[in-house]
């Protein structure tokens, strides 16, 4: 997931940077089943209040979350939580629409009844095959909608600062994620391997 920040960013602690990176990683796992998505984070502030807006295009919808808090970190996390809830609700709605069937006309119902009577000897096997296919599809959908597994990263990035190329090389040993400090920006970054083998970069 490519994350773009607009507005002045407050200085975050290392712990806050890790939590923010993991929150974006969880959202990335949820949304990026059909290609990489981009998230826009808009930061504004008043005298004693910080505001954060998060926008993500998903299917034909724009997911939008807004958070306000005395500190910028809490505001961003609140906005991310709202976006995640919207995404889960949208996925559930699409799942229900996929599973629902449209009403059939009386003629179609009659024709189906005749066809069913003619194919009675073979119906048992076909019905069992359809049931197995439906169960497999439901299991796959349930797996997709299951909340992302949270992996607790080490309190510190391992070793010296790394470039993105060095971090990608380190991922070749089969690990699922890598938390490291970028050599150019000195900020924490996290690489996450998706189920299709591609690697996402979450920038704190």
Protein backbone atom coordinates (compact mmCIF):
# COMPACT_ATOMS: atom_id res chain seq x y z
CA UNK A 1 0.00 0.00 0.00
CA UNK A 2 1.37 3.38 -1.01
CA UNK A 3 0.72 5.97 1.70
CA UNK A 4 0.85 9.70 0.99
CA UNK A 5 0.89 12.23 3.82
CA UNK A 6 -0.34 15.79 3.26
CA UNK A 7 0.20 18.41 5.94
CA UNK A 8 2.70 18.84 8.73
CA UNK A 9 3.58 15.61 10.54
CA UNK A 10 4.27 15.70 14.25
CA UNK A 11 7.26 13.83 15.61
CA UNK A 12 6.22 10.31 16.61
CA UNK A 13 7.92 7.98 19.06
CA UNK A 14 9.40 4.72 17.82
CA UNK A 15 6.55 2.80 19.46
CA UNK A 16 3.94 4.99 17.75
CA UNK A 17 5.67 4.54 14.38
CA UNK A 18 5.54 0.75 14.79
CA UNK A 19 1.86 0.76 15.75
CA UNK A 20 1.01 3.02 12.82
CA UNK A 21 2.95 0.80 10.41
CA UNK A 22 1.15 -2.31 11.65
CA UNK A 23 -2.26 -0.60 11.36
CA UNK A 24 -1.58 0.30 7.73
CA UNK A 25 -0.29 -3.24 7.12
CA UNK A 26 -3.55 -4.70 8.47
CA UNK A 27 -5.57 -2.39 6.20
CA UNK A 28 -3.33 -3.35 3.26
CA UNK A 29 -3.96 -7.08 3.84
CA UNK A 30 -7.71 -6.43 3.91
CA UNK A 31 -7.94 -4.30 0.77
CA UNK A 32 -5.21 -5.38 -1.63
CA UNK A 33 -6.70 -8.51 -3.16
CA UNK A 34 -7.00 -6.92 -6.61
CA UNK A 35 -3.82 -4.88 -6.91
CA UNK A 36 -2.02 -2.28 -4.84
CA UNK A 37 -4.12 0.47 -3.27
CA UNK A 38 -3.11 3.98 -2.28
CA UNK A 39 -4.03 5.71 0.97
CA UNK A 40 -4.04 9.48 1.35
CA UNK A 41 -3.58 10.88 4.86
CA UNK A 42 -4.46 14.56 5.27
CA UNK A 43 -3.20 16.19 8.48
CA UNK A 44 -4.46 19.48 9.87
CA UNK A 45 -4.42 21.09 13.27
CA UNK A 46 -5.87 23.75 15.49
CA UNK A 47 -4.38 25.27 18.57
CA UNK A 48 -5.05 22.33 20.90
CA UNK A 49 -6.45 19.71 18.51
CA UNK A 50 -5.09 17.55 15.69
CA UNK A 51 -7.20 16.23 12.81
CA UNK A 52 -6.46 13.35 10.43
CA UNK A 53 -8.39 12.20 7.36
CA UNK A 54 -7.69 8.88 5.60
CA UNK A 55 -9.03 8.21 2.10
CA UNK A 56 -8.73 4.93 0.14
CA UNK A 57 -10.34 3.99 -3.20
CA UNK A 58 -11.79 0.48 -2.95
CA UNK A 59 -13.82 -1.08 -5.77
CA UNK A 60 -16.12 1.78 -6.86
CA UNK A 61 -16.23 3.36 -3.39
CA UNK A 62 -14.13 5.89 -1.52
CA UNK A 63 -13.47 4.78 2.05
CA UNK A 64 -13.15 7.79 4.32
CA UNK A 65 -12.31 8.10 7.99
CA UNK A 66 -11.69 11.18 10.10
CA UNK A 67 -10.19 11.35 13.56
CA UNK A 68 -9.62 14.21 15.97
CA UNK A 69 -7.55 14.13 19.15
CA UNK A 70 -5.13 16.21 21.19
CA UNK A 71 -2.25 14.33 19.52
CA UNK A 72 -1.75 13.47 15.86
CA UNK A 73 -1.01 9.76 16.40
CA UNK A 74 -4.38 9.10 18.08
CA UNK A 75 -6.19 11.07 15.38
CA UNK A 76 -4.63 8.97 12.60
CA UNK A 77 -5.37 5.69 14.39
CA UNK A 78 -9.02 6.72 14.88
CA UNK A 79 -9.34 7.56 11.19
CA UNK A 80 -7.75 4.24 10.18
CA UNK A 81 -10.13 2.29 12.42
CA UNK A 82 -13.13 3.92 10.72
CA UNK A 83 -11.78 3.09 7.26
CA UNK A 84 -11.20 -0.53 8.28
CA UNK A 85 -14.77 -0.86 9.59
CA UNK A 86 -16.13 0.55 6.32
CA UNK A 87 -14.06 -1.92 4.31
CA UNK A 88 -15.28 -4.90 6.35
CA UNK A 89 -18.89 -3.74 5.98
CA UNK A 90 -18.50 -3.33 2.22
CA UNK A 91 -16.91 -6.76 1.82
CA UNK A 92 -19.71 -8.37 3.83
CA UNK A 93 -22.33 -6.62 1.69
CA UNK A 94 -20.69 -7.82 -1.53
CA UNK A 95 -20.53 -11.33 -0.12
CA UNK A 96 -24.25 -11.31 0.66
CA UNK A 97 -25.10 -9.99 -2.80
CA UNK A 98 -23.01 -12.72 -4.38
CA UNK A 99 -24.74 -15.45 -2.41
CA UNK A 100 -28.29 -14.15 -2.89
CA UNK A 101 -30.21 -15.38 -5.94
CA UNK A 102 -32.75 -13.37 -7.92
CA UNK A 103 -36.43 -14.58 -7.99
CA UNK A 104 -37.30 -16.79 -10.97
CA UNK A 105 -40.33 -16.32 -13.20
CA UNK A 106 -43.16 -18.91 -12.95
CA UNK A 107 -42.29 -20.31 -16.41
CA UNK A 108 -38.69 -20.75 -15.36
CA UNK A 109 -39.78 -22.48 -12.16
CA UNK A 110 -42.00 -24.89 -14.13
CA UNK A 111 -39.26 -25.64 -16.64
CA UNK A 112 -36.81 -26.24 -13.83
CA UNK A 113 -39.24 -28.68 -12.21
CA UNK A 114 -39.61 -30.64 -15.45
CA UNK A 115 -35.86 -30.73 -15.96
CA UNK A 116 -35.35 -31.86 -12.37
CA UNK A 117 -37.81 -34.73 -12.84
CA UNK A 118 -36.06 -35.82 -16.03
CA UNK A 119 -32.62 -35.73 -14.42
CA UNK A 120 -33.60 -37.37 -11.13
CA UNK A 121 -31.23 -40.37 -11.53
CA UNK A 122 -28.24 -38.05 -11.92
CA UNK A 123 -29.34 -35.40 -9.45
CA UNK A 124 -27.78 -37.02 -6.40
CA UNK A 125 -24.24 -36.82 -7.72
CA UNK A 126 -24.66 -33.31 -9.14
CA UNK A 127 -26.16 -32.05 -5.89
CA UNK A 128 -23.26 -33.44 -3.89
CA UNK A 129 -20.77 -31.82 -6.28
CA UNK A 130 -22.56 -28.44 -6.06
CA UNK A 131 -22.67 -28.65 -2.27
CA UNK A 132 -18.94 -29.34 -2.10
CA UNK A 133 -18.25 -26.40 -4.45
CA UNK A 134 -20.42 -24.05 -2.37
CA UNK A 135 -18.75 -25.14 0.86
CA UNK A 136 -15.30 -24.60 -0.67
CA UNK A 137 -16.30 -21.13 -1.87
CA UNK A 138 -17.73 -20.18 1.53
CA UNK A 139 -14.57 -21.40 3.26
CA UNK A 140 -12.44 -19.30 0.89
CA UNK A 141 -14.59 -16.20 1.48
CA UNK A 142 -14.46 -16.73 5.25
CA UNK A 143 -10.67 -16.96 5.03
CA UNK A 144 -10.55 -13.69 3.05
CA UNK A 145 -12.78 -11.83 5.52
CA UNK A 146 -10.97 -13.10 8.61
CA UNK A 147 -9.23 -10.22 10.37
CA UNK A 148 -5.55 -9.99 9.52
CA UNK A 149 -3.18 -11.82 11.88
CA UNK A 150 -1.17 -9.31 13.88
CA UNK A 151 2.54 -10.08 14.13
CA UNK A 152 4.27 -8.29 16.96
CA UNK A 153 7.52 -6.89 15.68
CA UNK A 154 10.67 -6.49 17.73
CA UNK A 155 10.95 -3.28 19.72
CA UNK A 156 13.89 -2.22 17.50
CA UNK A 157 14.76 -2.67 13.86
CA UNK A 158 17.58 -5.19 13.60
CA UNK A 159 21.11 -4.07 12.71
CA UNK A 160 22.26 -0.95 10.92
CA UNK A 161 19.96 1.20 8.71
CA UNK A 162 19.20 -0.40 5.34
CA UNK A 163 18.21 0.74 1.87
CA UNK A 164 15.04 -0.64 0.28
CA UNK A 165 17.14 -2.85 -2.00
CA UNK A 166 19.02 -4.33 0.97
CA UNK A 167 15.75 -4.95 2.79
CA UNK A 168 14.28 -6.74 -0.26
CA UNK A 169 17.35 -8.97 -0.37
CA UNK A 170 16.87 -9.78 3.30
CA UNK A 171 13.28 -10.87 2.53
CA UNK A 172 14.56 -13.55 0.16
CA UNK A 173 15.17 -15.92 3.07
CA UNK A 174 11.42 -16.62 3.19
CA UNK A 175 10.37 -14.36 6.08
CA UNK A 176 6.84 -12.90 6.06
CA UNK A 177 7.78 -9.39 7.19
CA UNK A 178 10.80 -7.22 7.87
CA UNK A 179 10.92 -4.13 10.07
CA UNK A 180 13.92 -1.92 9.37
CA UNK A 181 15.14 1.67 9.58
CA UNK A 182 15.57 3.36 6.20
CA UNK A 183 19.13 4.50 5.55
CA UNK A 184 18.01 7.67 3.72
CA UNK A 185 15.15 8.92 5.91
CA UNK A 186 16.08 7.21 9.24
CA UNK A 187 12.40 6.27 9.64
CA UNK A 188 10.94 2.86 10.37
CA UNK A 189 9.65 0.94 7.35
CA UNK A 190 8.00 -2.47 7.15
CA UNK A 191 7.99 -4.95 4.26
CA UNK A 192 5.10 -7.46 4.27
CA UNK A 193 4.82 -10.48 1.98
CA UNK A 194 1.29 -10.97 0.62
CA UNK A 195 -0.28 -14.37 -0.01
CA UNK A 196 0.35 -13.99 -3.75
CA UNK A 197 4.10 -13.57 -3.13
CA UNK A 198 4.23 -9.81 -3.78
CA UNK A 199 5.79 -7.57 -1.13
CA UNK A 200 4.10 -4.42 0.28
CA UNK A 201 6.06 -1.48 1.68
CA UNK A 202 4.43 0.43 4.54
CA UNK A 203 6.04 3.78 5.21
CA UNK A 204 5.68 5.19 8.72
